Amino acid sequence: MNGGRARALPMVIRDPALPDEVTIYEVGARDGLQNEAAVVPVEVKAEFLQRLARAGLKVVEATSFVHPRWVPQLADAADLLRTMVRVDGVDYPVLVPNERGLDRALAAGVRHIAIFASATETFAKRNLNRTLDEQFAMFAPVVERARMEGLRVRGYVSMCFGDPWEGAVAPAQVAAVGRRLVEMGCDQLSLGDTIGTGTPAHVDAVLDACAADGVRIRQIAVHFHDTYGQALANTLTALRRGVTTVDASAGGLGGCPYAESATGNLATEDLVWMLDGMGIRHGVDLDALVATSTWMAAQLGRPSPSNVVRALAHS
């Protein structure tokens, strides 16, 4: 704070058409750090996770068991899970790409996993070395085993709103992929705007298609990138449709290592500011979260791209 002034707060105006409470699914430690040019030390990652949890986030995606050759920034996944200090009441999901990744997750005591599917043929081939249909054969045994072990399973669907190689993606195609993941046993679908090209009307169209294909709104989470400044507008559209889980990344960290046009995720602080202004409960201490993102930005050697972090860190 400067000169003893209280920090700015949004005016709270409650819209009864919006959810009373939203779960923020924090992805900064995995989706955020996987795109860094340099490998972040495991002790820094562990402290980051602890700070995020202490700030009140109840779902903090910890890491990924993808092969180190593909994402070297997360090669320390087992070490991180072994050394990190868990906060009571906080869920720490882990991304797994295949059965070998599931084996490693089970050995580490993980209770919540995520798989990462594609809504498009080209990205499935580039990211998974599978066709759009073949990816389901790869995921089916992972989901089946995970459910038998009592794990919760999230299904990410990437390129839901646009693909850098294929262009526009038909909402019905997104819905078909999502339906197959739900039928396979995924508890939740995270619909990803991987390159950030979606707009509010497009979000409505994708949610309409999902509903028409039998995917319930309560099963859907949204994962928006802010490449073209649309992430908050798209999130608000999803909230108005009844979505109550929103993916976000502390400080706006992240992108996608397989899609160069995928810039930062929706910043968790920007999301929290909007939710606060609408009187929607989320459980996060914004000041603690801003301090965490400011600290992490210093570890990475660059300022946070989050508008709220920039505003509050210098207020």
C-alpha atoms as a PDB file:
ATOM      1  CA  MET A   1       0.000   0.000   0.000  1.00  0.00           C
ATOM      2  CA  ASN A   2       1.073   3.618  -0.553  1.00  0.00           C
ATOM      3  CA  GLY A   3       0.662   6.361   2.030  1.00  0.00           C
ATOM      4  CA  GLY A   4      -1.625   4.326   4.267  1.00  0.00           C
ATOM      5  CA  ARG A   5      -4.385   4.138   1.662  1.00  0.00           C
ATOM      6  CA  ALA A   6      -6.632   1.088   1.666  1.00  0.00           C
ATOM      7  CA  ARG A   7      -6.307  -0.878  -1.547  1.00  0.00           C
ATOM      8  CA  ALA A   8      -8.984  -0.615  -4.199  1.00  0.00           C
ATOM      9  CA  LEU A   9     -11.954  -2.962  -4.009  1.00  0.00           C
ATOM     10  CA  PRO A  10     -14.613  -3.635  -6.629  1.00  0.00           C
ATOM     11  CA  MET A  11     -18.178  -2.596  -5.827  1.00  0.00           C
ATOM     12  CA  VAL A  12     -20.164  -5.743  -5.124  1.00  0.00           C
ATOM     13  CA  ILE A  13     -23.337  -6.082  -7.174  1.00  0.00           C
ATOM     14  CA  ARG A  14     -24.941  -9.498  -6.988  1.00  0.00           C
ATOM     15  CA  ASP A  15     -26.617 -10.958 -10.066  1.00  0.00           C
ATOM     16  CA  PRO A  16     -28.997 -13.757  -9.017  1.00  0.00           C
ATOM     17  CA  ALA A  17     -28.657 -15.308 -12.474  1.00  0.00           C
ATOM     18  CA  LEU A  18     -25.034 -16.196 -11.701  1.00  0.00           C
ATOM     19  CA  PRO A  19     -23.805 -19.073  -9.519  1.00  0.00           C
ATOM     20  CA  ASP A  20     -23.484 -18.430  -5.786  1.00  0.00           C
ATOM     21  CA  GLU A  21     -20.085 -20.125  -5.691  1.00  0.00           C
ATOM     22  CA  VAL A  22     -17.347 -20.975  -8.190  1.00  0.00           C
ATOM     23  CA  THR A  23     -14.499 -23.466  -7.880  1.00  0.00           C
ATOM     24  CA  ILE A  24     -11.239 -22.093  -9.209  1.00  0.00           C
ATOM     25  CA  TYR A  25      -9.137 -24.898 -10.672  1.00  0.00           C
ATOM     26  CA  GLU A  26      -5.611 -23.485 -10.373  1.00  0.00           C
ATOM     27  CA  VAL A  27      -3.297 -24.613 -13.192  1.00  0.00           C
ATOM     28  CA  GLY A  28      -0.301 -22.300 -12.760  1.00  0.00           C
ATOM     29  CA  ALA A  29       2.068 -24.867 -11.292  1.00  0.00           C
ATOM     30  CA  ARG A  30       1.486 -27.289 -14.175  1.00  0.00           C
ATOM     31  CA  ASP A  31       0.100 -25.526 -17.225  1.00  0.00           C
ATOM     32  CA  GLY A  32       1.881 -22.319 -16.283  1.00  0.00           C
ATOM     33  CA  LEU A  33       5.365 -23.643 -15.622  1.00  0.00           C
ATOM     34  CA  GLN A  34       5.422 -26.279 -18.383  1.00  0.00           C
ATOM     35  CA  ASN A  35       5.902 -23.521 -20.959  1.00  0.00           C
ATOM     36  CA  GLU A  36       8.917 -21.887 -19.317  1.00  0.00           C
ATOM     37  CA  ALA A  37      12.147 -21.840 -21.291  1.00  0.00           C
ATOM     38  CA  ALA A  38      14.181 -22.625 -18.180  1.00  0.00           C
ATOM     39  CA  VAL A  39      13.477 -25.403 -15.690  1.00  0.00           C
ATOM     40  CA  VAL A  40      12.184 -24.046 -12.375  1.00  0.00           C
ATOM     41  CA  PRO A  41      13.886 -25.705  -9.367  1.00  0.00           C
ATOM     42  CA  VAL A  42      11.748 -28.275  -7.591  1.00  0.00           C
ATOM     43  CA  GLU A  43      11.980 -26.420  -4.278  1.00  0.00           C
ATOM     44  CA  VAL A  44      10.565 -23.286  -5.943  1.00  0.00           C
ATOM     45  CA  LYS A  45       7.688 -25.320  -7.392  1.00  0.00           C
ATOM     46  CA  ALA A  46       6.981 -26.843  -3.974  1.00  0.00           C
ATOM     47  CA  GLU A  47       6.878 -23.418  -2.343  1.00  0.00           C
ATOM     48  CA  PHE A  48       4.665 -22.122  -5.167  1.00  0.00           C
ATOM     49  CA  LEU A  49       2.176 -24.932  -4.556  1.00  0.00           C
ATOM     50  CA  GLN A  50       2.159 -24.280  -0.827  1.00  0.00           C
ATOM     51  CA  ARG A  51       1.668 -20.536  -1.292  1.00  0.00           C
ATOM     52  CA  LEU A  52      -1.226 -21.130  -3.709  1.00  0.00           C
ATOM     53  CA  ALA A  53      -2.919 -23.454  -1.245  1.00  0.00           C
ATOM     54  CA  ARG A  54      -2.351 -21.057   1.663  1.00  0.00           C
ATOM     55  CA  ALA A  55      -4.010 -18.333  -0.424  1.00  0.00           C
ATOM     56  CA  GLY A  56      -7.225 -20.349  -0.282  1.00  0.00           C
ATOM     57  CA  LEU A  57      -7.235 -22.227  -3.571  1.00  0.00           C
ATOM     58  CA  LYS A  58      -8.832 -25.628  -3.019  1.00  0.00           C
ATOM     59  CA  VAL A  59      -7.836 -27.273  -6.308  1.00  0.00           C
ATOM     60  CA  VAL A  60      -4.200 -26.823  -7.328  1.00  0.00           C
ATOM     61  CA  GLU A  61      -2.957 -28.922 -10.230  1.00  0.00           C
ATOM     62  CA  ALA A  62       0.514 -29.972  -9.142  1.00  0.00           C
ATOM     63  CA  THR A  63       2.388 -31.372 -12.137  1.00  0.00           C
ATOM     64  CA  SER A  64       2.318 -33.846 -15.013  1.00  0.00           C
ATOM     65  CA  PHE A  65       3.723 -37.321 -15.548  1.00  0.00           C
ATOM     66  CA  VAL A  66       4.302 -36.699 -19.251  1.00  0.00           C
ATOM     67  CA  HIS A  67       7.592 -38.062 -20.630  1.00  0.00           C
ATOM     68  CA  PRO A  68      10.491 -35.721 -19.756  1.00  0.00           C
ATOM     69  CA  ARG A  69      11.569 -35.638 -23.397  1.00  0.00           C
ATOM     70  CA  TRP A  70       8.341 -33.836 -24.313  1.00  0.00           C
ATOM     71  CA  VAL A  71       8.041 -31.504 -21.328  1.00  0.00           C
ATOM     72  CA  PRO A  72      11.443 -31.311 -19.596  1.00  0.00           C
ATOM     73  CA  GLN A  73      10.167 -28.570 -17.281  1.00  0.00           C
ATOM     74  CA  LEU A  74       8.072 -31.198 -15.456  1.00  0.00           C
ATOM     75  CA  ALA A  75      10.622 -34.016 -15.386  1.00  0.00           C
ATOM     76  CA  ASP A  76      10.823 -33.628 -11.588  1.00  0.00           C
ATOM     77  CA  ALA A  77       7.172 -34.626 -11.039  1.00  0.00           C
ATOM     78  CA  ALA A  78       7.919 -37.562  -8.743  1.00  0.00           C
ATOM     79  CA  ASP A  79      10.415 -35.538  -6.702  1.00  0.00           C
ATOM     80  CA  LEU A  80       7.931 -32.687  -6.376  1.00  0.00           C
ATOM     81  CA  LEU A  81       5.120 -34.908  -5.143  1.00  0.00           C
ATOM     82  CA  ARG A  82       7.470 -36.585  -2.690  1.00  0.00           C
ATOM     83  CA  THR A  83       8.797 -33.343  -1.178  1.00  0.00           C
ATOM     84  CA  MET A  84       5.907 -30.864  -1.385  1.00  0.00           C
ATOM     85  CA  VAL A  85       4.000 -29.946   1.775  1.00  0.00           C
ATOM     86  CA  ARG A  86       0.290 -30.576   1.290  1.00  0.00           C
ATOM     87  CA  VAL A  87      -2.279 -28.292   2.863  1.00  0.00           C
ATOM     88  CA  ASP A  88      -5.307 -30.000   4.428  1.00  0.00           C
ATOM     89  CA  GLY A  89      -8.461 -29.742   2.371  1.00  0.00           C
ATOM     90  CA  VAL A  90      -6.645 -28.998  -0.879  1.00  0.00           C
ATOM     91  CA  ASP A  91      -6.911 -31.269  -3.926  1.00  0.00           C
ATOM     92  CA  TYR A  92      -3.717 -31.707  -5.991  1.00  0.00           C
ATOM     93  CA  PRO A  93      -4.603 -33.236  -9.387  1.00  0.00           C
ATOM     94  CA  VAL A  94      -1.877 -34.524 -11.711  1.00  0.00           C
ATOM     95  CA  LEU A  95      -1.959 -34.786 -15.505  1.00  0.00           C
ATOM     96  CA  VAL A  96      -1.227 -38.259 -16.910  1.00  0.00           C
ATOM     97  CA  PRO A  97      -0.804 -38.945 -20.654  1.00  0.00           C
ATOM     98  CA  ASN A  98      -1.028 -42.746 -20.679  1.00  0.00           C
ATOM     99  CA  GLU A  99      -0.939 -45.914 -18.564  1.00  0.00           C
ATOM    100  CA  ARG A 100       2.721 -45.459 -17.684  1.00  0.00           C
ATOM    101  CA  GLY A 101       1.884 -41.996 -16.376  1.00  0.00           C
ATOM    102  CA  LEU A 102      -0.959 -43.504 -14.363  1.00  0.00           C
ATOM    103  CA  ASP A 103       1.417 -46.079 -12.877  1.00  0.00           C
ATOM    104  CA  ARG A 104       3.676 -43.260 -11.690  1.00  0.00           C
ATOM    105  CA  ALA A 105       0.729 -41.273 -10.341  1.00  0.00           C
ATOM    106  CA  LEU A 106      -0.587 -44.251  -8.366  1.00  0.00           C
ATOM    107  CA  ALA A 107       2.891 -44.930  -6.976  1.00  0.00           C
ATOM    108  CA  ALA A 108       2.983 -41.317  -5.787  1.00  0.00           C
ATOM    109  CA  GLY A 109      -0.355 -41.631  -4.009  1.00  0.00           C
ATOM    110  CA  VAL A 110      -2.255 -39.316  -6.347  1.00  0.00           C
ATOM    111  CA  ARG A 111      -6.064 -39.396  -5.944  1.00  0.00           C
ATOM    112  CA  HIS A 112      -7.151 -37.131  -8.811  1.00  0.00           C
ATOM    113  CA  ILE A 113      -5.818 -37.297 -12.370  1.00  0.00           C
ATOM    114  CA  ALA A 114      -6.457 -35.518 -15.641  1.00  0.00           C
ATOM    115  CA  ILE A 115      -6.069 -36.703 -19.226  1.00  0.00           C
ATOM    116  CA  PHE A 116      -5.490 -34.352 -22.142  1.00  0.00           C
ATOM    117  CA  ALA A 117      -7.522 -34.970 -25.295  1.00  0.00           C
ATOM    118  CA  SER A 118      -7.871 -32.966 -28.496  1.00  0.00           C
ATOM    119  CA  ALA A 119     -10.958 -31.719 -30.303  1.00  0.00           C
ATOM    120  CA  THR A 120      -9.092 -31.722 -33.627  1.00  0.00           C
ATOM    121  CA  GLU A 121      -7.324 -34.267 -35.802  1.00  0.00           C
ATOM    122  CA  THR A 122      -4.172 -32.219 -36.371  1.00  0.00           C
ATOM    123  CA  PHE A 123      -3.529 -31.410 -32.732  1.00  0.00           C
ATOM    124  CA  ALA A 124      -4.190 -35.020 -31.717  1.00  0.00           C
ATOM    125  CA  LYS A 125      -1.459 -36.084 -34.124  1.00  0.00           C
ATOM    126  CA  ARG A 126       0.968 -33.366 -33.053  1.00  0.00           C
ATOM    127  CA  ASN A 127       0.377 -33.627 -29.313  1.00  0.00           C
ATOM    128  CA  LEU A 128      -0.476 -37.313 -28.869  1.00  0.00           C
ATOM    129  CA  ASN A 129       0.824 -38.956 -32.054  1.00  0.00           C
ATOM    130  CA  ARG A 130      -2.686 -40.369 -32.478  1.00  0.00           C
ATOM    131  CA  THR A 131      -5.640 -39.700 -34.742  1.00  0.00           C
ATOM    132  CA  LEU A 132      -8.739 -38.125 -33.251  1.00  0.00           C
ATOM    133  CA  ASP A 133     -10.328 -41.572 -32.868  1.00  0.00           C
ATOM    134  CA  GLU A 134      -7.134 -43.331 -31.741  1.00  0.00           C
ATOM    135  CA  GLN A 135      -6.752 -41.015 -28.749  1.00  0.00           C
ATOM    136  CA  PHE A 136      -9.810 -42.617 -27.125  1.00  0.00           C
ATOM    137  CA  ALA A 137      -8.276 -46.077 -27.360  1.00  0.00           C
ATOM    138  CA  MET A 138      -5.209 -44.699 -25.578  1.00  0.00           C
ATOM    139  CA  PHE A 139      -7.232 -43.038 -22.821  1.00  0.00           C
ATOM    140  CA  ALA A 140      -9.814 -45.784 -22.193  1.00  0.00           C
ATOM    141  CA  PRO A 141      -7.582 -48.108 -20.119  1.00  0.00           C
ATOM    142  CA  VAL A 142      -6.194 -45.137 -18.189  1.00  0.00           C
ATOM    143  CA  VAL A 143      -9.651 -43.944 -17.189  1.00  0.00           C
ATOM    144  CA  GLU A 144     -10.901 -47.461 -16.454  1.00  0.00           C
ATOM    145  CA  ARG A 145      -7.975 -48.288 -14.174  1.00  0.00           C
ATOM    146  CA  ALA A 146      -8.120 -44.921 -12.462  1.00  0.00           C
ATOM    147  CA  ARG A 147     -11.810 -45.336 -11.687  1.00  0.00           C
ATOM    148  CA  MET A 148     -11.210 -48.869 -10.394  1.00  0.00           C
ATOM    149  CA  GLU A 149      -8.616 -47.390  -8.028  1.00  0.00           C
ATOM    150  CA  GLY A 150     -11.169 -44.830  -6.818  1.00  0.00           C
ATOM    151  CA  LEU A 151      -9.509 -41.851  -8.480  1.00  0.00           C
ATOM    152  CA  ARG A 152     -11.365 -38.843  -9.803  1.00  0.00           C
ATOM    153  CA  VAL A 153     -10.727 -38.225 -13.511  1.00  0.00           C
ATOM    154  CA  ARG A 154     -10.862 -34.941 -15.402  1.00  0.00           C
ATOM    155  CA  GLY A 155     -10.821 -34.823 -19.190  1.00  0.00           C
ATOM    156  CA  TYR A 156      -9.204 -31.808 -20.786  1.00  0.00           C
ATOM    157  CA  VAL A 157     -10.333 -31.084 -24.342  1.00  0.00           C
ATOM    158  CA  SER A 158      -7.929 -28.782 -26.161  1.00  0.00           C
ATOM    159  CA  MET A 159      -8.557 -26.671 -29.288  1.00  0.00           C
ATOM    160  CA  CYS A 160     -12.292 -26.363 -28.566  1.00  0.00           C
ATOM    161  CA  PHE A 161     -12.579 -22.864 -30.004  1.00  0.00           C
ATOM    162  CA  GLY A 162      -9.974 -22.860 -32.754  1.00  0.00           C
ATOM    163  CA  ASP A 163      -6.903 -24.711 -33.983  1.00  0.00           C
ATOM    164  CA  PRO A 164      -3.810 -22.990 -35.443  1.00  0.00           C
ATOM    165  CA  TRP A 165      -3.600 -25.577 -38.245  1.00  0.00           C
ATOM    166  CA  GLU A 166      -7.272 -26.311 -38.918  1.00  0.00           C
ATOM    167  CA  GLY A 167      -8.849 -22.965 -38.093  1.00  0.00           C
ATOM    168  CA  ALA A 168     -12.407 -22.883 -36.779  1.00  0.00           C
ATOM    169  CA  VAL A 169     -13.618 -25.997 -34.953  1.00  0.00           C
ATOM    170  CA  ALA A 170     -17.264 -27.033 -35.251  1.00  0.00           C
ATOM    171  CA  PRO A 171     -19.028 -26.949 -31.848  1.00  0.00           C
ATOM    172  CA  ALA A 172     -20.608 -30.327 -32.654  1.00  0.00           C
ATOM    173  CA  GLN A 173     -17.136 -31.843 -33.029  1.00  0.00           C
ATOM    174  CA  VAL A 174     -16.135 -30.514 -29.603  1.00  0.00           C
ATOM    175  CA  ALA A 175     -19.322 -31.922 -28.105  1.00  0.00           C
ATOM    176  CA  ALA A 176     -18.747 -35.335 -29.670  1.00  0.00           C
ATOM    177  CA  VAL A 177     -15.263 -35.549 -28.153  1.00  0.00           C
ATOM    178  CA  GLY A 178     -16.578 -34.419 -24.780  1.00  0.00           C
ATOM    179  CA  ARG A 179     -19.416 -36.936 -24.824  1.00  0.00           C
ATOM    180  CA  ARG A 180     -17.014 -39.805 -25.524  1.00  0.00           C
ATOM    181  CA  LEU A 181     -14.817 -38.780 -22.592  1.00  0.00           C
ATOM    182  CA  VAL A 182     -17.825 -38.615 -20.275  1.00  0.00           C
ATOM    183  CA  GLU A 183     -19.051 -42.001 -21.477  1.00  0.00           C
ATOM    184  CA  MET A 184     -15.534 -43.343 -20.856  1.00  0.00           C
ATOM    185  CA  GLY A 185     -15.798 -42.301 -17.213  1.00  0.00           C
ATOM    186  CA  CYS A 186     -14.452 -38.749 -16.889  1.00  0.00           C
ATOM    187  CA  ASP A 187     -16.092 -36.909 -13.991  1.00  0.00           C
ATOM    188  CA  GLN A 188     -15.449 -33.494 -15.452  1.00  0.00           C
ATOM    189  CA  LEU A 189     -14.660 -31.939 -18.835  1.00  0.00           C
ATOM    190  CA  SER A 190     -12.451 -28.875 -19.136  1.00  0.00           C
ATOM    191  CA  LEU A 191     -13.166 -27.170 -22.458  1.00  0.00           C
ATOM    192  CA  GLY A 192     -10.015 -25.377 -23.536  1.00  0.00           C
ATOM    193  CA  ASP A 193      -9.641 -22.312 -25.737  1.00  0.00           C
ATOM    194  CA  THR A 194      -6.014 -23.232 -26.301  1.00  0.00           C
ATOM    195  CA  ILE A 195      -5.166 -20.367 -28.657  1.00  0.00           C
ATOM    196  CA  GLY A 196      -7.579 -17.837 -27.187  1.00  0.00           C
ATOM    197  CA  THR A 197      -9.716 -17.163 -30.270  1.00  0.00           C
ATOM    198  CA  GLY A 198     -13.109 -17.785 -28.674  1.00  0.00           C
ATOM    199  CA  THR A 199     -15.708 -15.068 -28.117  1.00  0.00           C
ATOM    200  CA  PRO A 200     -18.837 -15.065 -25.918  1.00  0.00           C
ATOM    201  CA  ALA A 201     -21.260 -16.116 -28.675  1.00  0.00           C
ATOM    202  CA  HIS A 202     -18.861 -18.925 -29.581  1.00  0.00           C
ATOM    203  CA  VAL A 203     -18.869 -20.087 -25.949  1.00  0.00           C
ATOM    204  CA  ASP A 204     -22.664 -20.211 -26.048  1.00  0.00           C
ATOM    205  CA  ALA A 205     -22.541 -22.261 -29.250  1.00  0.00           C
ATOM    206  CA  VAL A 206     -20.123 -24.813 -27.784  1.00  0.00           C
ATOM    207  CA  LEU A 207     -22.149 -25.161 -24.584  1.00  0.00           C
ATOM    208  CA  ASP A 208     -25.331 -25.536 -26.639  1.00  0.00           C
ATOM    209  CA  ALA A 209     -23.717 -28.318 -28.656  1.00  0.00           C
ATOM    210  CA  CYS A 210     -22.528 -30.083 -25.509  1.00  0.00           C
ATOM    211  CA  ALA A 211     -25.983 -29.923 -23.977  1.00  0.00           C
ATOM    212  CA  ALA A 212     -27.535 -31.249 -27.191  1.00  0.00           C
ATOM    213  CA  ASP A 213     -25.093 -34.190 -27.072  1.00  0.00           C
ATOM    214  CA  GLY A 214     -26.041 -35.087 -23.514  1.00  0.00           C
ATOM    215  CA  VAL A 215     -23.144 -33.481 -21.601  1.00  0.00           C
ATOM    216  CA  ARG A 216     -24.510 -31.755 -18.505  1.00  0.00           C
ATOM    217  CA  ILE A 217     -23.422 -28.234 -17.655  1.00  0.00           C
ATOM    218  CA  ARG A 218     -22.480 -29.303 -14.124  1.00  0.00           C
ATOM    219  CA  GLN A 219     -19.840 -31.618 -15.660  1.00  0.00           C
ATOM    220  CA  ILE A 220     -18.189 -28.798 -17.604  1.00  0.00           C
ATOM    221  CA  ALA A 221     -15.287 -26.562 -16.626  1.00  0.00           C
ATOM    222  CA  VAL A 222     -13.872 -23.835 -18.859  1.00  0.00           C
ATOM    223  CA  HIS A 223     -10.233 -23.087 -19.605  1.00  0.00           C
ATOM    224  CA  PHE A 224      -9.695 -19.815 -21.445  1.00  0.00           C
ATOM    225  CA  HIS A 225      -6.513 -18.237 -22.725  1.00  0.00           C
ATOM    226  CA  ASP A 226      -6.329 -14.465 -22.951  1.00  0.00           C
ATOM    227  CA  THR A 227      -4.465 -14.205 -26.259  1.00  0.00           C
ATOM    228  CA  TYR A 228      -7.016 -11.757 -27.696  1.00  0.00           C
ATOM    229  CA  GLY A 229      -8.293 -10.358 -24.391  1.00  0.00           C
ATOM    230  CA  GLN A 230     -11.478 -12.439 -24.355  1.00  0.00           C
ATOM    231  CA  ALA A 231     -10.911 -14.716 -21.360  1.00  0.00           C
ATOM    232  CA  LEU A 232     -12.977 -12.836 -18.765  1.00  0.00           C
ATOM    233  CA  ALA A 233     -15.829 -12.129 -21.182  1.00  0.00           C
ATOM    234  CA  ASN A 234     -15.896 -15.789 -22.156  1.00  0.00           C
ATOM    235  CA  THR A 235     -15.810 -16.839 -18.504  1.00  0.00           C
ATOM    236  CA  LEU A 236     -18.753 -14.596 -17.660  1.00  0.00           C
ATOM    237  CA  THR A 237     -20.705 -16.130 -20.531  1.00  0.00           C
ATOM    238  CA  ALA A 238     -19.998 -19.623 -19.176  1.00  0.00           C
ATOM    239  CA  LEU A 239     -21.042 -18.574 -15.658  1.00  0.00           C
ATOM    240  CA  ARG A 240     -24.344 -17.266 -16.993  1.00  0.00           C
ATOM    241  CA  ARG A 241     -24.909 -20.712 -18.492  1.00  0.00           C
ATOM    242  CA  GLY A 242     -24.383 -22.383 -15.105  1.00  0.00           C
ATOM    243  CA  VAL A 243     -20.724 -23.435 -15.324  1.00  0.00           C
ATOM    244  CA  THR A 244     -19.234 -23.393 -11.808  1.00  0.00           C
ATOM    245  CA  THR A 245     -15.617 -24.519 -12.336  1.00  0.00           C
ATOM    246  CA  VAL A 246     -13.157 -22.156 -14.001  1.00  0.00           C
ATOM    247  CA  ASP A 247      -9.521 -22.932 -14.772  1.00  0.00           C
ATOM    248  CA  ALA A 248      -7.066 -20.115 -14.147  1.00  0.00           C
ATOM    249  CA  SER A 249      -3.352 -19.606 -13.662  1.00  0.00           C
ATOM    250  CA  ALA A 250      -1.799 -17.490 -10.927  1.00  0.00           C
ATOM    251  CA  GLY A 251      -0.208 -14.426 -12.441  1.00  0.00           C
ATOM    252  CA  GLY A 252      -1.398 -15.403 -15.924  1.00  0.00           C
ATOM    253  CA  LEU A 253       1.427 -17.907 -16.373  1.00  0.00           C
ATOM    254  CA  GLY A 254       1.384 -20.432 -19.150  1.00  0.00           C
ATOM    255  CA  GLY A 255       0.558 -21.435 -22.651  1.00  0.00           C
ATOM    256  CA  CYS A 256       0.938 -24.664 -24.577  1.00  0.00           C
ATOM    257  CA  PRO A 257       4.332 -26.082 -25.611  1.00  0.00           C
ATOM    258  CA  TYR A 258       2.793 -27.623 -28.746  1.00  0.00           C
ATOM    259  CA  ALA A 259       0.954 -24.530 -30.010  1.00  0.00           C
ATOM    260  CA  GLU A 260       3.098 -21.432 -30.381  1.00  0.00           C
ATOM    261  CA  SER A 261       0.070 -19.153 -30.693  1.00  0.00           C
ATOM    262  CA  ALA A 262      -1.169 -20.206 -27.236  1.00  0.00           C
ATOM    263  CA  THR A 263      -0.217 -17.408 -24.866  1.00  0.00           C
ATOM    264  CA  GLY A 264      -1.061 -17.006 -21.212  1.00  0.00           C
ATOM    265  CA  ASN A 265      -3.974 -18.485 -19.368  1.00  0.00           C
ATOM    266  CA  LEU A 266      -6.646 -16.421 -17.698  1.00  0.00           C
ATOM    267  CA  ALA A 267      -4.946 -14.896 -14.648  1.00  0.00           C
ATOM    268  CA  THR A 268      -6.404 -16.177 -11.392  1.00  0.00           C
ATOM    269  CA  GLU A 269      -6.199 -12.703  -9.844  1.00  0.00           C
ATOM    270  CA  ASP A 270      -8.202 -11.171 -12.704  1.00  0.00           C
ATOM    271  CA  LEU A 271     -10.827 -13.882 -12.277  1.00  0.00           C
ATOM    272  CA  VAL A 272     -10.985 -13.346  -8.501  1.00  0.00           C
ATOM    273  CA  TRP A 273     -11.467  -9.588  -8.943  1.00  0.00           C
ATOM    274  CA  MET A 274     -14.407 -10.204 -11.283  1.00  0.00           C
ATOM    275  CA  LEU A 275     -15.957 -12.810  -8.993  1.00  0.00           C
ATOM    276  CA  ASP A 276     -15.569 -10.482  -6.002  1.00  0.00           C
ATOM    277  CA  GLY A 277     -17.384  -7.712  -7.851  1.00  0.00           C
ATOM    278  CA  MET A 278     -20.285 -10.052  -8.572  1.00  0.00           C
ATOM    279  CA  GLY A 279     -20.492 -11.385  -5.021  1.00  0.00           C
ATOM    280  CA  ILE A 280     -19.600 -14.946  -6.040  1.00  0.00           C
ATOM    281  CA  ARG A 281     -17.877 -17.025  -3.358  1.00  0.00           C
ATOM    282  CA  HIS A 282     -14.534 -18.642  -4.217  1.00  0.00           C
ATOM    283  CA  GLY A 283     -12.522 -18.779  -0.981  1.00  0.00           C
ATOM    284  CA  VAL A 284      -9.355 -17.078  -2.251  1.00  0.00           C
ATOM    285  CA  ASP A 285      -7.474 -14.338  -0.397  1.00  0.00           C
ATOM    286  CA  LEU A 286      -6.631 -11.940  -3.224  1.00  0.00           C
ATOM    287  CA  ASP A 287      -3.837 -10.155  -1.361  1.00  0.00           C
ATOM    288  CA  ALA A 288      -2.111 -13.455  -0.577  1.00  0.00           C
ATOM    289  CA  LEU A 289      -2.522 -14.579  -4.181  1.00  0.00           C
ATOM    290  CA  VAL A 290      -1.070 -11.328  -5.559  1.00  0.00           C
ATOM    291  CA  ALA A 291       1.892 -11.695  -3.182  1.00  0.00           C
ATOM    292  CA  THR A 292       2.380 -15.267  -4.421  1.00  0.00           C
ATOM    293  CA  SER A 293       2.324 -14.270  -8.088  1.00  0.00           C
ATOM    294  CA  THR A 294       4.656 -11.331  -7.430  1.00  0.00           C
ATOM    295  CA  TRP A 295       7.053 -13.718  -5.695  1.00  0.00           C
ATOM    296  CA  MET A 296       6.876 -16.208  -8.577  1.00  0.00           C
ATOM    297  CA  ALA A 297       7.413 -13.458 -11.145  1.00  0.00           C
ATOM    298  CA  ALA A 298      10.624 -12.582  -9.311  1.00  0.00           C
ATOM    299  CA  GLN A 299      11.725 -16.242  -9.472  1.00  0.00           C
ATOM    300  CA  LEU A 300      11.112 -16.203 -13.246  1.00  0.00           C
ATOM    301  CA  GLY A 301      12.798 -12.842 -13.719  1.00  0.00           C
ATOM    302  CA  ARG A 302       9.922 -10.996 -15.383  1.00  0.00           C
ATOM    303  CA  PRO A 303       6.773  -9.124 -14.340  1.00  0.00           C
ATOM    304  CA  SER A 304       3.409 -10.835 -14.135  1.00  0.00           C
ATOM    305  CA  PRO A 305       1.101 -10.238 -17.119  1.00  0.00           C
ATOM    306  CA  SER A 306      -1.944 -10.171 -14.816  1.00  0.00           C
ATOM    307  CA  ASN A 307      -3.678  -6.786 -14.814  1.00  0.00           C
ATOM    308  CA  VAL A 308      -4.776  -7.183 -11.203  1.00  0.00           C
ATOM    309  CA  VAL A 309      -1.302  -8.204 -10.027  1.00  0.00           C
ATOM    310  CA  ARG A 310       0.201  -5.155 -11.726  1.00  0.00           C
ATOM    311  CA  ALA A 311      -2.440  -2.850 -10.267  1.00  0.00           C
ATOM    312  CA  LEU A 312      -2.323  -4.150  -6.691  1.00  0.00           C
ATOM    313  CA  ALA A 313       1.404  -4.797  -6.460  1.00  0.00           C
ATOM    314  CA  HIS A 314       2.030  -1.093  -6.993  1.00  0.00           C
ATOM    315  CA  SER A 315      -0.948   0.301  -5.094  1.00  0.00           C
END
